Protein backbone atom coordinates (compact mmCIF):
# COMPACT_ATOMS: atom_id res chain seq x y z
CA MET A 1 18.87 11.81 11.15
CA ILE A 2 15.76 13.69 10.34
CA ASP A 3 14.80 16.55 12.35
CA ALA A 4 11.72 15.59 14.88
CA ASN A 5 9.55 18.12 12.92
CA GLU A 6 10.50 17.94 9.40
CA ARG A 7 8.11 16.18 7.26
CA LEU A 8 8.49 13.79 4.67
CA HIS A 9 6.64 15.10 1.74
CA GLY A 10 8.01 12.39 -0.70
CA LEU A 11 7.19 9.62 1.73
CA ASP A 12 3.65 11.34 1.97
CA ALA A 13 3.27 11.34 -1.65
CA LEU A 14 4.49 7.58 -2.23
CA ARG A 15 2.06 6.39 0.57
CA GLY A 16 -1.07 8.53 -1.36
CA GLY A 17 0.29 6.93 -4.52
CA MET A 18 -0.29 3.33 -2.76
CA LEU A 19 -3.67 4.57 -1.43
CA LEU A 20 -5.04 5.82 -4.51
CA LEU A 21 -3.49 2.66 -6.91
CA GLY A 22 -5.62 0.37 -4.05
CA VAL A 23 -8.49 2.30 -5.20
CA ALA A 24 -7.94 0.91 -8.90
CA LEU A 25 -6.77 -2.62 -7.68
CA HIS A 26 -10.62 -3.21 -5.89
CA ALA A 27 -11.79 -1.41 -9.20
CA SER A 28 -10.27 -4.39 -11.07
CA MET A 29 -11.19 -7.53 -8.72
CA SER A 30 -14.66 -7.44 -10.38
CA PHE A 31 -13.33 -8.44 -13.60
CA MET A 32 -11.00 -11.69 -12.04
CA PRO A 33 -11.97 -15.09 -13.78
CA ILE A 34 -12.61 -16.35 -10.16
CA GLN A 35 -15.07 -14.19 -7.50
CA VAL A 36 -13.15 -12.62 -5.31
CA TRP A 37 -15.64 -9.47 -4.61
CA VAL A 38 -18.96 -9.20 -3.91
CA VAL A 39 -19.60 -8.19 -7.54
CA GLN A 40 -18.86 -10.66 -10.51
CA ASP A 41 -18.66 -8.97 -14.00
CA SER A 42 -19.65 -11.23 -17.20
CA GLN A 43 -16.69 -10.71 -19.19
CA PRO A 44 -13.79 -11.63 -16.78
CA SER A 45 -10.63 -9.47 -18.19
CA THR A 46 -6.60 -11.74 -17.64
CA ALA A 47 -5.33 -8.35 -18.15
CA LEU A 48 -6.52 -6.72 -15.35
CA THR A 49 -6.56 -9.92 -13.33
CA VAL A 50 -2.59 -9.42 -14.18
CA PHE A 51 -2.82 -5.66 -13.00
CA PHE A 52 -4.31 -7.00 -9.86
CA TYR A 53 -1.87 -9.21 -8.59
CA ALA A 54 1.04 -7.29 -10.06
CA VAL A 55 -0.31 -4.31 -7.75
CA HIS A 56 -1.19 -6.14 -4.74
CA VAL A 57 2.38 -7.47 -4.07
CA PHE A 58 3.74 -3.76 -5.04
CA ARG A 59 1.43 -2.00 -2.56
CA MET A 60 1.72 -4.23 0.15
CA ALA A 61 5.76 -4.22 0.19
CA THR A 62 5.63 -0.34 -0.24
CA PHE A 63 3.62 -0.17 3.02
CA PHE A 64 5.24 -2.50 4.99
CA LEU A 65 8.73 -0.60 3.64
CA ILE A 66 7.53 2.60 5.33
CA ALA A 67 5.99 1.10 8.47
CA GLY A 68 9.53 -0.16 8.50
CA PHE A 69 10.88 3.24 8.17
CA PHE A 70 8.48 5.10 10.46
CA ALA A 71 8.52 2.79 13.47
CA ARG A 72 12.54 2.95 13.34
CA LEU A 73 12.11 6.70 13.37
CA VAL A 74 10.00 6.04 16.55
CA LEU A 75 12.26 3.66 18.02
CA HIS A 76 15.37 5.91 17.84
CA ARG A 77 13.28 9.37 19.14
CA ARG A 78 11.49 8.04 21.52
CA GLY A 79 13.36 4.89 22.88
CA THR A 80 12.08 1.35 23.36
CA GLY A 81 9.90 2.13 26.23
CA GLY A 82 8.16 5.06 24.18
CA PHE A 83 8.03 2.07 21.20
CA ILE A 84 6.41 -0.14 23.03
C-alpha cells in the first residue's frame, strides 16, 4: 500500500500532461468542419478533427482512471464514512 504522505509524481506528471493536451485539444476545435466553438476558421482541417476526437477520448478515459485510483486510496485511508 502507498504511504499516506507519499506523493505519486508519475500520476502528477500524467495529469499535468493531460491538462496540457487539453490546451491543444481546445485550440484544434476552431478548425473542425462543424462549428463547435465560438470561433470558426475558414479553412477546416480533417487532421485536426481526427486529433480532437482521438485526444478527447484518451484524455477523458485517463482522467476517470486517475480519479478512480485516488478514490480507492481515499476509501482505504478514511473508510466509507470519511469517503462519503
